[in-house]
Amino acid sequence: MITPDSVPVPRLDVRFRNIRGQVLIARGEDALELTEAAAFVFRRIDGTRTVRRIGEQLAAEYGIGADEAVTDAGDVLTDLADAGFIGVEAPSS
């Protein structure tokens, strides 16, 4: 389960492409088109930022409340993890 303190981790076998205004990620034969906000979240996955930090950056970029942005970022990251496009590390204690 992804929490605000979880750390999303990039997968080395996932490719990111911007093709004629469509942002796509692909892994093997699986591909997924990302919305602008989802692409913003995906680009911030570096293995060090928490879901909370990514959500705070999303809030600053789009002018929305931090709590809402952290929830939205968590939802995007959960979907990406469930689909196998990212890994997730538990919060460090």
N, C-alpha and C. Protein backbone atom coordinates (compact mmCIF):
# COMPACT_ATOMS: atom_id res chain seq x y z
N MET A 1 0.85 -1.19 0.00
CA MET A 1 0.00 0.00 0.00
C MET A 1 0.89 1.25 0.00
N ILE A 2 0.57 2.16 -0.87
CA ILE A 2 1.33 3.40 -0.97
C ILE A 2 0.77 4.41 0.03
N THR A 3 1.66 5.00 0.81
CA THR A 3 1.30 6.04 1.77
C THR A 3 2.02 7.32 1.38
N PRO A 4 1.68 8.46 1.99
CA PRO A 4 2.39 9.69 1.68
C PRO A 4 3.90 9.62 1.96
N ASP A 5 4.32 8.70 2.83
CA ASP A 5 5.74 8.58 3.14
C ASP A 5 6.46 7.51 2.31
N SER A 6 5.73 6.81 1.44
CA SER A 6 6.35 5.83 0.55
C SER A 6 7.22 6.54 -0.48
N VAL A 7 8.20 5.82 -0.99
CA VAL A 7 9.12 6.37 -1.99
C VAL A 7 8.96 5.58 -3.29
N PRO A 8 8.38 6.20 -4.32
CA PRO A 8 8.29 5.53 -5.61
C PRO A 8 9.68 5.43 -6.25
N VAL A 9 9.92 4.31 -6.90
CA VAL A 9 11.23 4.03 -7.48
C VAL A 9 11.06 3.76 -8.97
N PRO A 10 11.89 4.41 -9.80
CA PRO A 10 11.78 4.16 -11.25
C PRO A 10 12.23 2.75 -11.59
N ARG A 11 11.67 2.22 -12.65
CA ARG A 11 12.10 0.92 -13.18
C ARG A 11 12.96 1.21 -14.40
N LEU A 12 14.07 0.54 -14.50
CA LEU A 12 15.01 0.78 -15.59
C LEU A 12 14.49 0.31 -16.94
N ASP A 13 13.49 -0.58 -16.92
CA ASP A 13 12.97 -1.09 -18.19
C ASP A 13 11.74 -0.33 -18.69
N VAL A 14 11.43 0.81 -18.08
CA VAL A 14 10.29 1.63 -18.51
C VAL A 14 10.81 2.80 -19.34
N ARG A 15 10.19 2.97 -20.50
CA ARG A 15 10.55 4.07 -21.39
C ARG A 15 9.49 5.16 -21.32
N PHE A 16 9.94 6.41 -21.44
CA PHE A 16 9.07 7.59 -21.37
C PHE A 16 9.21 8.32 -22.70
N ARG A 17 8.11 8.60 -23.37
CA ARG A 17 8.16 9.27 -24.66
C ARG A 17 7.06 10.33 -24.75
N ASN A 18 7.40 11.44 -25.42
CA ASN A 18 6.42 12.46 -25.75
C ASN A 18 6.30 12.44 -27.27
N ILE A 19 5.18 11.93 -27.76
CA ILE A 19 4.99 11.75 -29.19
C ILE A 19 3.80 12.59 -29.63
N ARG A 20 4.10 13.64 -30.37
CA ARG A 20 3.06 14.54 -30.90
C ARG A 20 2.06 14.98 -29.84
N GLY A 21 2.59 15.37 -28.68
CA GLY A 21 1.75 15.88 -27.61
C GLY A 21 1.17 14.82 -26.69
N GLN A 22 1.36 13.55 -27.01
CA GLN A 22 0.91 12.47 -26.15
C GLN A 22 2.10 11.98 -25.34
N VAL A 23 1.91 11.87 -24.04
CA VAL A 23 2.96 11.38 -23.17
C VAL A 23 2.68 9.90 -22.90
N LEU A 24 3.64 9.06 -23.27
CA LEU A 24 3.47 7.63 -23.13
C LEU A 24 4.60 7.04 -22.29
N ILE A 25 4.25 6.03 -21.50
CA ILE A 25 5.27 5.21 -20.86
C ILE A 25 5.05 3.80 -21.36
N ALA A 26 6.14 3.06 -21.49
CA ALA A 26 6.02 1.70 -22.00
C ALA A 26 6.99 0.79 -21.27
N ARG A 27 6.56 -0.44 -21.11
CA ARG A 27 7.38 -1.48 -20.51
C ARG A 27 7.06 -2.77 -21.25
N GLY A 28 8.04 -3.26 -21.98
CA GLY A 28 7.77 -4.42 -22.81
C GLY A 28 6.70 -4.08 -23.83
N GLU A 29 5.66 -4.88 -23.86
CA GLU A 29 4.56 -4.66 -24.80
C GLU A 29 3.45 -3.80 -24.21
N ASP A 30 3.55 -3.46 -22.92
CA ASP A 30 2.53 -2.65 -22.26
C ASP A 30 2.85 -1.18 -22.40
N ALA A 31 1.85 -0.39 -22.71
CA ALA A 31 2.02 1.06 -22.82
C ALA A 31 0.84 1.74 -22.15
N LEU A 32 1.09 2.96 -21.69
CA LEU A 32 0.07 3.72 -20.99
C LEU A 32 0.23 5.19 -21.36
N GLU A 33 -0.87 5.83 -21.73
CA GLU A 33 -0.84 7.26 -22.01
C GLU A 33 -1.12 8.00 -20.70
N LEU A 34 -0.31 9.02 -20.41
CA LEU A 34 -0.45 9.78 -19.18
C LEU A 34 -1.07 11.14 -19.45
N THR A 35 -1.89 11.58 -18.51
CA THR A 35 -2.38 12.95 -18.57
C THR A 35 -1.21 13.88 -18.25
N GLU A 36 -1.41 15.16 -18.44
CA GLU A 36 -0.36 16.13 -18.15
C GLU A 36 0.06 16.06 -16.68
N ALA A 37 -0.92 15.99 -15.77
CA ALA A 37 -0.60 15.93 -14.34
C ALA A 37 0.08 14.61 -13.98
N ALA A 38 -0.37 13.50 -14.57
CA ALA A 38 0.26 12.20 -14.31
C ALA A 38 1.70 12.19 -14.81
N ALA A 39 1.93 12.81 -15.96
CA ALA A 39 3.30 12.90 -16.50
C ALA A 39 4.17 13.74 -15.57
N PHE A 40 3.62 14.81 -15.02
CA PHE A 40 4.35 15.64 -14.05
C PHE A 40 4.78 14.79 -12.86
N VAL A 41 3.85 13.99 -12.34
CA VAL A 41 4.15 13.11 -11.21
C VAL A 41 5.21 12.09 -11.61
N PHE A 42 5.04 11.44 -12.75
CA PHE A 42 5.97 10.41 -13.20
C PHE A 42 7.39 10.94 -13.33
N ARG A 43 7.52 12.15 -13.86
CA ARG A 43 8.85 12.75 -14.06
C ARG A 43 9.58 13.01 -12.74
N ARG A 44 8.87 13.07 -11.64
CA ARG A 44 9.49 13.35 -10.35
C ARG A 44 9.90 12.10 -9.58
N ILE A 45 9.65 10.96 -10.15
CA ILE A 45 10.05 9.70 -9.50
C ILE A 45 11.55 9.54 -9.67
N ASP A 46 12.27 9.59 -8.55
CA ASP A 46 13.72 9.47 -8.62
C ASP A 46 14.29 8.52 -7.57
N GLY A 47 13.43 7.88 -6.82
CA GLY A 47 13.88 6.95 -5.80
C GLY A 47 14.25 7.60 -4.48
N THR A 48 14.12 8.93 -4.39
CA THR A 48 14.40 9.62 -3.14
C THR A 48 13.19 10.44 -2.65
N ARG A 49 12.40 10.96 -3.57
CA ARG A 49 11.25 11.77 -3.19
C ARG A 49 10.11 10.89 -2.69
N THR A 50 9.47 11.34 -1.64
CA THR A 50 8.29 10.63 -1.14
C THR A 50 7.05 11.04 -1.94
N VAL A 51 6.00 10.28 -1.77
CA VAL A 51 4.72 10.64 -2.39
C VAL A 51 4.30 12.03 -1.91
N ARG A 52 4.51 12.31 -0.63
CA ARG A 52 4.15 13.62 -0.08
C ARG A 52 4.91 14.74 -0.79
N ARG A 53 6.21 14.56 -0.99
CA ARG A 53 7.02 15.60 -1.65
C ARG A 53 6.58 15.80 -3.09
N ILE A 54 6.31 14.71 -3.79
CA ILE A 54 5.83 14.83 -5.17
C ILE A 54 4.48 15.54 -5.19
N GLY A 55 3.61 15.21 -4.24
CA GLY A 55 2.32 15.89 -4.14
C GLY A 55 2.46 17.38 -3.87
N GLU A 56 3.40 17.74 -3.01
CA GLU A 56 3.65 19.16 -2.73
C GLU A 56 4.13 19.88 -3.99
N GLN A 57 4.95 19.23 -4.78
CA GLN A 57 5.42 19.83 -6.04
C GLN A 57 4.26 19.96 -7.02
N LEU A 58 3.38 18.97 -7.04
CA LEU A 58 2.19 19.02 -7.89
C LEU A 58 1.30 20.19 -7.48
N ALA A 59 1.12 20.37 -6.18
CA ALA A 59 0.30 21.48 -5.67
C ALA A 59 0.87 22.82 -6.10
N ALA A 60 2.18 22.97 -5.98
CA ALA A 60 2.82 24.23 -6.36
C ALA A 60 2.70 24.49 -7.86
N GLU A 61 2.84 23.46 -8.66
CA GLU A 61 2.78 23.60 -10.13
C GLU A 61 1.38 23.95 -10.62
N TYR A 62 0.36 23.34 -10.02
CA TYR A 62 -1.01 23.49 -10.52
C TYR A 62 -1.90 24.36 -9.64
N GLY A 63 -1.35 24.91 -8.55
CA GLY A 63 -2.11 25.82 -7.72
C GLY A 63 -3.30 25.17 -7.03
N ILE A 64 -3.11 23.94 -6.55
CA ILE A 64 -4.18 23.25 -5.82
C ILE A 64 -3.72 23.01 -4.39
N GLY A 65 -4.63 22.64 -3.53
CA GLY A 65 -4.30 22.40 -2.14
C GLY A 65 -3.34 21.23 -1.99
N ALA A 66 -2.45 21.33 -1.02
CA ALA A 66 -1.43 20.30 -0.81
C ALA A 66 -2.04 18.95 -0.46
N ASP A 67 -3.05 18.93 0.39
CA ASP A 67 -3.67 17.65 0.77
C ASP A 67 -4.28 16.95 -0.44
N GLU A 68 -4.99 17.74 -1.26
CA GLU A 68 -5.60 17.18 -2.48
C GLU A 68 -4.52 16.67 -3.43
N ALA A 69 -3.44 17.43 -3.58
CA ALA A 69 -2.37 17.04 -4.50
C ALA A 69 -1.65 15.79 -4.02
N VAL A 70 -1.43 15.65 -2.73
CA VAL A 70 -0.78 14.45 -2.19
C VAL A 70 -1.67 13.23 -2.44
N THR A 71 -2.97 13.40 -2.24
CA THR A 71 -3.91 12.30 -2.52
C THR A 71 -3.90 11.95 -4.00
N ASP A 72 -3.94 12.97 -4.87
CA ASP A 72 -3.93 12.73 -6.31
C ASP A 72 -2.63 12.05 -6.74
N ALA A 73 -1.50 12.52 -6.24
CA ALA A 73 -0.22 11.91 -6.57
C ALA A 73 -0.19 10.46 -6.11
N GLY A 74 -0.70 10.20 -4.91
CA GLY A 74 -0.76 8.84 -4.41
C GLY A 74 -1.62 7.93 -5.28
N ASP A 75 -2.73 8.47 -5.78
CA ASP A 75 -3.60 7.68 -6.66
C ASP A 75 -2.89 7.34 -7.97
N VAL A 76 -2.22 8.32 -8.56
CA VAL A 76 -1.47 8.08 -9.80
C VAL A 76 -0.38 7.05 -9.57
N LEU A 77 0.37 7.22 -8.50
CA LEU A 77 1.48 6.32 -8.21
C LEU A 77 1.00 4.91 -7.88
N THR A 78 -0.14 4.80 -7.22
CA THR A 78 -0.72 3.49 -6.95
C THR A 78 -1.07 2.79 -8.26
N ASP A 79 -1.70 3.53 -9.17
CA ASP A 79 -2.06 2.95 -10.47
C ASP A 79 -0.81 2.50 -11.23
N LEU A 80 0.23 3.34 -11.22
CA LEU A 80 1.47 2.99 -11.92
C LEU A 80 2.15 1.77 -11.30
N ALA A 81 2.13 1.69 -9.98
CA ALA A 81 2.73 0.55 -9.29
C ALA A 81 1.92 -0.72 -9.58
N ASP A 82 0.60 -0.62 -9.51
CA ASP A 82 -0.25 -1.79 -9.76
C ASP A 82 -0.07 -2.31 -11.19
N ALA A 83 0.23 -1.41 -12.13
CA ALA A 83 0.43 -1.79 -13.53
C ALA A 83 1.87 -2.23 -13.81
N GLY A 84 2.75 -2.13 -12.81
CA GLY A 84 4.13 -2.59 -12.97
C GLY A 84 5.08 -1.59 -13.60
N PHE A 85 4.67 -0.31 -13.67
CA PHE A 85 5.52 0.70 -14.29
C PHE A 85 6.51 1.34 -13.32
N ILE A 86 6.27 1.19 -12.02
CA ILE A 86 7.19 1.71 -11.01
C ILE A 86 7.28 0.73 -9.84
N GLY A 87 8.32 0.88 -9.04
CA GLY A 87 8.40 0.16 -7.79
C GLY A 87 8.11 1.12 -6.66
N VAL A 88 7.95 0.59 -5.46
CA VAL A 88 7.67 1.43 -4.29
C VAL A 88 8.45 0.87 -3.11
N GLU A 89 9.14 1.76 -2.43
CA GLU A 89 9.84 1.38 -1.21
C GLU A 89 9.04 1.88 -0.02
N ALA A 90 9.05 1.08 1.03
CA ALA A 90 8.38 1.47 2.26
C ALA A 90 9.09 2.67 2.86
N PRO A 91 8.38 3.47 3.63
CA PRO A 91 9.02 4.61 4.28
C PRO A 91 10.18 4.15 5.16
N SER A 92 11.25 4.92 5.17
CA SER A 92 12.37 4.59 6.05
C SER A 92 12.02 5.04 7.46
N SER A 93 12.43 4.27 8.43
CA SER A 93 12.07 4.60 9.82
C SER A 93 13.12 5.40 10.51
